[in-house]
């Protein structure tokens, strides 16, 4: 049963990374430093993220990310930059979490899948919401949207760490949401291509 909670935590963390690049891992790092993490994970991974130098870097990166995301125009620019950073962070954290209980190749497959599916889906969802906010409010509502994202990520990660029994439920919700959004995006893309072919 232990591997179910480990993989569930990897799924939750990957989806949270799609909204915030550094905040999810920073929360885990701080709580692990305070010995509040009850989720079984690789001792090497925990030792790495709780190293003082890594923790300081994560905190600084998180503060910069959160503050800069409250500035209109800058937030959209950084979203483009983080679109390359988030899958990498998701890959590293997911692999570090599941490697303790699985073979290397199994952990690699799960980490790659989560970083490109769960994280990417969350990124696309955030992008759509942010573009809608920018288009309808001229970017004035973006800081409030950003604050809501901060709160949602924090609540999701903290709850998954403190109330470990919630992990499978949260993971299932992430999978369902990703599946629905993925199908919707595919359907919209298919319709657009169909219309373009018809016009040509």
C-alpha atoms as a PDB file:
ATOM      1  CA  UNK A   1       0.000   0.000   0.000  1.00  0.00           C
ATOM      2  CA  UNK A   2       2.919   2.334   0.639  1.00  0.00           C
ATOM      3  CA  UNK A   3       3.700   2.769  -3.063  1.00  0.00           C
ATOM      4  CA  UNK A   4       0.134   4.035  -3.666  1.00  0.00           C
ATOM      5  CA  UNK A   5       0.745   6.988  -1.342  1.00  0.00           C
ATOM      6  CA  UNK A   6       4.175   7.619  -2.837  1.00  0.00           C
ATOM      7  CA  UNK A   7       2.885   7.720  -6.424  1.00  0.00           C
ATOM      8  CA  UNK A   8      -0.162   9.746  -5.332  1.00  0.00           C
ATOM      9  CA  UNK A   9       2.124  12.320  -3.728  1.00  0.00           C
ATOM     10  CA  UNK A  10       4.197  12.486  -6.916  1.00  0.00           C
ATOM     11  CA  UNK A  11       1.021  13.136  -8.914  1.00  0.00           C
ATOM     12  CA  UNK A  12      -0.149  15.902  -6.555  1.00  0.00           C
ATOM     13  CA  UNK A  13       3.272  17.542  -6.504  1.00  0.00           C
ATOM     14  CA  UNK A  14       3.558  17.374 -10.308  1.00  0.00           C
ATOM     15  CA  UNK A  15       0.195  19.069 -10.806  1.00  0.00           C
ATOM     16  CA  UNK A  16       1.053  21.745  -8.235  1.00  0.00           C
ATOM     17  CA  UNK A  17       4.347  22.399 -10.042  1.00  0.00           C
ATOM     18  CA  UNK A  18       2.309  23.197 -13.143  1.00  0.00           C
ATOM     19  CA  UNK A  19       0.953  26.263 -11.327  1.00  0.00           C
ATOM     20  CA  UNK A  20       4.063  27.279  -9.381  1.00  0.00           C
ATOM     21  CA  UNK A  21       7.562  26.167 -10.306  1.00  0.00           C
ATOM     22  CA  UNK A  22       9.275  26.412  -6.922  1.00  0.00           C
ATOM     23  CA  UNK A  23       6.545  26.829  -4.284  1.00  0.00           C
ATOM     24  CA  UNK A  24       5.470  23.144  -4.038  1.00  0.00           C
ATOM     25  CA  UNK A  25       9.007  21.816  -3.613  1.00  0.00           C
ATOM     26  CA  UNK A  26       9.850  24.632  -1.180  1.00  0.00           C
ATOM     27  CA  UNK A  27       6.882  23.732   1.020  1.00  0.00           C
ATOM     28  CA  UNK A  28       7.945  20.075   1.052  1.00  0.00           C
ATOM     29  CA  UNK A  29      11.525  21.085   1.813  1.00  0.00           C
ATOM     30  CA  UNK A  30      10.565  23.336   4.740  1.00  0.00           C
ATOM     31  CA  UNK A  31       8.171  20.781   6.228  1.00  0.00           C
ATOM     32  CA  UNK A  32      10.761  18.034   5.815  1.00  0.00           C
ATOM     33  CA  UNK A  33      13.320  20.261   7.529  1.00  0.00           C
ATOM     34  CA  UNK A  34      10.894  20.611  10.437  1.00  0.00           C
ATOM     35  CA  UNK A  35      10.315  16.818  10.438  1.00  0.00           C
ATOM     36  CA  UNK A  36       6.649  17.290   9.538  1.00  0.00           C
ATOM     37  CA  UNK A  37       6.721  15.091   6.431  1.00  0.00           C
ATOM     38  CA  UNK A  38       5.084  11.721   7.012  1.00  0.00           C
ATOM     39  CA  UNK A  39       5.078  10.706   3.365  1.00  0.00           C
ATOM     40  CA  UNK A  40       7.604   7.923   2.744  1.00  0.00           C
ATOM     41  CA  UNK A  41      10.120   9.092   0.169  1.00  0.00           C
ATOM     42  CA  UNK A  42      13.735   8.491  -0.740  1.00  0.00           C
ATOM     43  CA  UNK A  43      16.069   9.488   2.091  1.00  0.00           C
ATOM     44  CA  UNK A  44      18.488  10.807  -0.544  1.00  0.00           C
ATOM     45  CA  UNK A  45      15.779  13.046  -2.018  1.00  0.00           C
ATOM     46  CA  UNK A  46      14.735  14.377   1.399  1.00  0.00           C
ATOM     47  CA  UNK A  47      18.382  14.919   2.348  1.00  0.00           C
ATOM     48  CA  UNK A  48      18.932  16.844  -0.889  1.00  0.00           C
ATOM     49  CA  UNK A  49      15.970  19.220  -0.614  1.00  0.00           C
ATOM     50  CA  UNK A  50      16.611  19.860   3.091  1.00  0.00           C
ATOM     51  CA  UNK A  51      20.245  20.788   2.532  1.00  0.00           C
ATOM     52  CA  UNK A  52      20.658  24.376   3.744  1.00  0.00           C
ATOM     53  CA  UNK A  53      22.041  25.608   0.421  1.00  0.00           C
ATOM     54  CA  UNK A  54      19.234  23.985  -1.588  1.00  0.00           C
ATOM     55  CA  UNK A  55      16.614  25.248   0.861  1.00  0.00           C
ATOM     56  CA  UNK A  56      17.919  28.822   0.662  1.00  0.00           C
ATOM     57  CA  UNK A  57      17.885  28.660  -3.142  1.00  0.00           C
ATOM     58  CA  UNK A  58      14.318  27.302  -3.174  1.00  0.00           C
ATOM     59  CA  UNK A  59      13.070  29.978  -0.784  1.00  0.00           C
ATOM     60  CA  UNK A  60      14.703  32.795  -2.781  1.00  0.00           C
ATOM     61  CA  UNK A  61      13.403  31.398  -6.084  1.00  0.00           C
ATOM     62  CA  UNK A  62       9.908  31.041  -4.604  1.00  0.00           C
ATOM     63  CA  UNK A  63       9.842  34.613  -3.284  1.00  0.00           C
ATOM     64  CA  UNK A  64      11.007  35.970  -6.658  1.00  0.00           C
ATOM     65  CA  UNK A  65       8.450  33.835  -8.514  1.00  0.00           C
ATOM     66  CA  UNK A  66       5.527  34.824  -6.277  1.00  0.00           C
ATOM     67  CA  UNK A  67       6.324  38.556  -6.280  1.00  0.00           C
ATOM     68  CA  UNK A  68       7.053  38.782 -10.007  1.00  0.00           C
ATOM     69  CA  UNK A  69       3.857  36.884 -10.789  1.00  0.00           C
ATOM     70  CA  UNK A  70       1.874  39.767  -9.279  1.00  0.00           C
ATOM     71  CA  UNK A  71       3.188  42.238 -11.897  1.00  0.00           C
ATOM     72  CA  UNK A  72       1.078  42.436 -15.103  1.00  0.00           C
ATOM     73  CA  UNK A  73       2.996  41.712 -18.350  1.00  0.00           C
ATOM     74  CA  UNK A  74       5.943  40.371 -16.325  1.00  0.00           C
ATOM     75  CA  UNK A  75       3.781  37.461 -15.185  1.00  0.00           C
ATOM     76  CA  UNK A  76       2.966  36.427 -18.756  1.00  0.00           C
ATOM     77  CA  UNK A  77       6.625  36.736 -19.776  1.00  0.00           C
ATOM     78  CA  UNK A  78       7.775  34.577 -16.862  1.00  0.00           C
ATOM     79  CA  UNK A  79       5.082  32.002 -17.635  1.00  0.00           C
ATOM     80  CA  UNK A  80       6.845  31.494 -20.944  1.00  0.00           C
ATOM     81  CA  UNK A  81      10.196  31.083 -19.191  1.00  0.00           C
ATOM     82  CA  UNK A  82       8.795  28.740 -16.542  1.00  0.00           C
ATOM     83  CA  UNK A  83       7.179  26.584 -19.224  1.00  0.00           C
ATOM     84  CA  UNK A  84      10.651  25.060 -19.640  1.00  0.00           C
ATOM     85  CA  UNK A  85      11.533  25.051 -15.935  1.00  0.00           C
ATOM     86  CA  UNK A  86       8.366  23.473 -14.523  1.00  0.00           C
ATOM     87  CA  UNK A  87       8.548  20.113 -16.369  1.00  0.00           C
ATOM     88  CA  UNK A  88      12.207  19.755 -15.353  1.00  0.00           C
ATOM     89  CA  UNK A  89      11.458  20.447 -11.675  1.00  0.00           C
ATOM     90  CA  UNK A  90       8.473  18.127 -11.842  1.00  0.00           C
ATOM     91  CA  UNK A  91      10.637  15.406 -13.406  1.00  0.00           C
ATOM     92  CA  UNK A  92      13.318  15.741 -10.715  1.00  0.00           C
ATOM     93  CA  UNK A  93      10.907  15.830  -7.764  1.00  0.00           C
ATOM     94  CA  UNK A  94       8.689  13.013  -9.083  1.00  0.00           C
ATOM     95  CA  UNK A  95      11.698  10.803  -9.757  1.00  0.00           C
ATOM     96  CA  UNK A  96      13.161  11.536  -6.330  1.00  0.00           C
ATOM     97  CA  UNK A  97       9.892  10.616  -4.624  1.00  0.00           C
ATOM     98  CA  UNK A  98       9.082   7.340  -6.405  1.00  0.00           C
ATOM     99  CA  UNK A  99      12.649   6.046  -6.847  1.00  0.00           C
ATOM    100  CA  UNK A 100      12.744   4.809  -3.236  1.00  0.00           C
ATOM    101  CA  UNK A 101      10.193   2.064  -3.901  1.00  0.00           C
ATOM    102  CA  UNK A 102      10.567   1.323  -7.610  1.00  0.00           C
ATOM    103  CA  UNK A 103      13.259   0.295 -10.053  1.00  0.00           C
ATOM    104  CA  UNK A 104      15.146   3.052 -11.867  1.00  0.00           C
ATOM    105  CA  UNK A 105      13.341   2.554 -15.182  1.00  0.00           C
ATOM    106  CA  UNK A 106       9.927   2.402 -13.483  1.00  0.00           C
ATOM    107  CA  UNK A 107      10.599   5.615 -11.575  1.00  0.00           C
ATOM    108  CA  UNK A 108      11.863   7.268 -14.773  1.00  0.00           C
ATOM    109  CA  UNK A 109       8.711   6.337 -16.724  1.00  0.00           C
ATOM    110  CA  UNK A 110       6.418   7.628 -13.973  1.00  0.00           C
ATOM    111  CA  UNK A 111       8.420  10.846 -13.552  1.00  0.00           C
ATOM    112  CA  UNK A 112       8.477  11.557 -17.297  1.00  0.00           C
ATOM    113  CA  UNK A 113       4.758  10.834 -17.628  1.00  0.00           C
ATOM    114  CA  UNK A 114       3.843  13.095 -14.720  1.00  0.00           C
ATOM    115  CA  UNK A 115       6.092  15.935 -15.849  1.00  0.00           C
ATOM    116  CA  UNK A 116       4.635  15.956 -19.357  1.00  0.00           C
ATOM    117  CA  UNK A 117       0.997  15.118 -18.584  1.00  0.00           C
ATOM    118  CA  UNK A 118      -0.014  16.309 -15.127  1.00  0.00           C
ATOM    119  CA  UNK A 119       2.332  19.306 -15.041  1.00  0.00           C
ATOM    120  CA  UNK A 120       1.630  20.313 -18.647  1.00  0.00           C
ATOM    121  CA  UNK A 121      -2.136  20.088 -18.130  1.00  0.00           C
ATOM    122  CA  UNK A 122      -1.917  22.377 -15.108  1.00  0.00           C
ATOM    123  CA  UNK A 123       0.281  24.775 -17.102  1.00  0.00           C
ATOM    124  CA  UNK A 124      -2.203  24.898 -19.978  1.00  0.00           C
ATOM    125  CA  UNK A 125      -5.100  25.478 -17.579  1.00  0.00           C
ATOM    126  CA  UNK A 126      -3.206  28.298 -15.885  1.00  0.00           C
ATOM    127  CA  UNK A 127      -2.330  29.791 -19.274  1.00  0.00           C
ATOM    128  CA  UNK A 128      -5.957  29.804 -20.420  1.00  0.00           C
ATOM    129  CA  UNK A 129      -7.139  31.397 -17.157  1.00  0.00           C
ATOM    130  CA  UNK A 130      -4.362  33.987 -17.263  1.00  0.00           C
ATOM    131  CA  UNK A 131      -5.002  34.888 -20.922  1.00  0.00           C
ATOM    132  CA  UNK A 132      -8.723  35.216 -20.211  1.00  0.00           C
ATOM    133  CA  UNK A 133      -7.989  37.464 -17.248  1.00  0.00           C
ATOM    134  CA  UNK A 134      -5.587  39.581 -19.309  1.00  0.00           C
ATOM    135  CA  UNK A 135      -8.037  39.911 -22.196  1.00  0.00           C
ATOM    136  CA  UNK A 136     -11.088  40.763 -20.093  1.00  0.00           C
ATOM    137  CA  UNK A 137      -9.513  42.970 -17.425  1.00  0.00           C
ATOM    138  CA  UNK A 138      -6.398  44.266 -19.175  1.00  0.00           C
ATOM    139  CA  UNK A 139      -4.259  42.346 -16.690  1.00  0.00           C
ATOM    140  CA  UNK A 140      -5.588  44.175 -13.624  1.00  0.00           C
ATOM    141  CA  UNK A 141      -7.117  40.980 -12.212  1.00  0.00           C
ATOM    142  CA  UNK A 142      -3.957  38.927 -12.768  1.00  0.00           C
ATOM    143  CA  UNK A 143      -2.456  39.656  -9.313  1.00  0.00           C
ATOM    144  CA  UNK A 144      -5.650  38.387  -7.659  1.00  0.00           C
ATOM    145  CA  UNK A 145      -5.676  35.296  -9.864  1.00  0.00           C
ATOM    146  CA  UNK A 146      -2.024  34.767  -8.958  1.00  0.00           C
ATOM    147  CA  UNK A 147      -2.810  35.035  -5.233  1.00  0.00           C
ATOM    148  CA  UNK A 148      -5.555  32.430  -5.588  1.00  0.00           C
ATOM    149  CA  UNK A 149      -3.064  30.123  -7.332  1.00  0.00           C
ATOM    150  CA  UNK A 150      -0.588  30.593  -4.459  1.00  0.00           C
ATOM    151  CA  UNK A 151      -3.260  29.684  -1.930  1.00  0.00           C
ATOM    152  CA  UNK A 152      -4.494  26.664  -3.899  1.00  0.00           C
ATOM    153  CA  UNK A 153      -0.980  25.268  -4.344  1.00  0.00           C
ATOM    154  CA  UNK A 154      -0.129  25.787  -0.678  1.00  0.00           C
ATOM    155  CA  UNK A 155      -3.342  24.175   0.562  1.00  0.00           C
ATOM    156  CA  UNK A 156      -3.007  21.225  -1.812  1.00  0.00           C
ATOM    157  CA  UNK A 157       0.597  20.445  -0.891  1.00  0.00           C
ATOM    158  CA  UNK A 158       0.207  21.018   2.867  1.00  0.00           C
ATOM    159  CA  UNK A 159      -2.942  18.887   3.059  1.00  0.00           C
ATOM    160  CA  UNK A 160      -1.275  16.089   1.107  1.00  0.00           C
ATOM    161  CA  UNK A 161       1.632  16.108   3.566  1.00  0.00           C
ATOM    162  CA  UNK A 162      -0.320  16.393   6.821  1.00  0.00           C
ATOM    163  CA  UNK A 163      -3.330  14.263   5.917  1.00  0.00           C
ATOM    164  CA  UNK A 164      -1.676  11.419   4.045  1.00  0.00           C
ATOM    165  CA  UNK A 165      -4.966   9.555   3.605  1.00  0.00           C
ATOM    166  CA  UNK A 166      -6.103  12.388   1.300  1.00  0.00           C
ATOM    167  CA  UNK A 167      -3.332  11.632  -1.205  1.00  0.00           C
ATOM    168  CA  UNK A 168      -5.144   8.973  -3.287  1.00  0.00           C
ATOM    169  CA  UNK A 169      -8.267  11.175  -3.410  1.00  0.00           C
ATOM    170  CA  UNK A 170      -6.289  14.233  -4.523  1.00  0.00           C
ATOM    171  CA  UNK A 171      -4.397  12.129  -7.065  1.00  0.00           C
ATOM    172  CA  UNK A 172      -7.642  10.780  -8.537  1.00  0.00           C
ATOM    173  CA  UNK A 173      -9.032  14.323  -8.793  1.00  0.00           C
ATOM    174  CA  UNK A 174      -5.857  15.429 -10.584  1.00  0.00           C
ATOM    175  CA  UNK A 175      -6.088  12.500 -13.018  1.00  0.00           C
ATOM    176  CA  UNK A 176      -9.771  13.157 -13.737  1.00  0.00           C
ATOM    177  CA  UNK A 177      -9.174  16.873 -14.241  1.00  0.00           C
ATOM    178  CA  UNK A 178      -6.181  16.219 -16.498  1.00  0.00           C
ATOM    179  CA  UNK A 179      -8.171  13.694 -18.543  1.00  0.00           C
ATOM    180  CA  UNK A 180     -11.135  16.038 -19.007  1.00  0.00           C
ATOM    181  CA  UNK A 181      -8.945  19.016 -19.903  1.00  0.00           C
ATOM    182  CA  UNK A 182      -6.783  16.914 -22.206  1.00  0.00           C
ATOM    183  CA  UNK A 183      -9.843  15.593 -24.037  1.00  0.00           C
ATOM    184  CA  UNK A 184     -11.314  19.106 -24.286  1.00  0.00           C
ATOM    185  CA  UNK A 185      -8.079  20.560 -25.689  1.00  0.00           C
ATOM    186  CA  UNK A 186      -7.816  17.704 -28.195  1.00  0.00           C
ATOM    187  CA  UNK A 187     -11.441  18.199 -29.250  1.00  0.00           C
ATOM    188  CA  UNK A 188     -10.993  21.942 -29.738  1.00  0.00           C
ATOM    189  CA  UNK A 189      -7.767  21.413 -31.687  1.00  0.00           C
ATOM    190  CA  UNK A 190      -9.445  18.826 -33.895  1.00  0.00           C
ATOM    191  CA  UNK A 191     -12.332  21.184 -34.667  1.00  0.00           C
ATOM    192  CA  UNK A 192      -9.946  24.018 -35.538  1.00  0.00           C
ATOM    193  CA  UNK A 193      -7.982  21.783 -37.913  1.00  0.00           C
ATOM    194  CA  UNK A 194     -11.221  20.518 -39.441  1.00  0.00           C
ATOM    195  CA  UNK A 195     -12.443  24.093 -40.063  1.00  0.00           C
ATOM    196  CA  UNK A 196      -9.098  25.077 -41.619  1.00  0.00           C
ATOM    197  CA  UNK A 197      -9.160  22.084 -43.967  1.00  0.00           C
ATOM    198  CA  UNK A 198     -12.729  22.911 -44.968  1.00  0.00           C
ATOM    199  CA  UNK A 199     -11.797  26.529 -45.756  1.00  0.00           C
ATOM    200  CA  UNK A 200      -8.811  25.494 -47.860  1.00  0.00           C
END
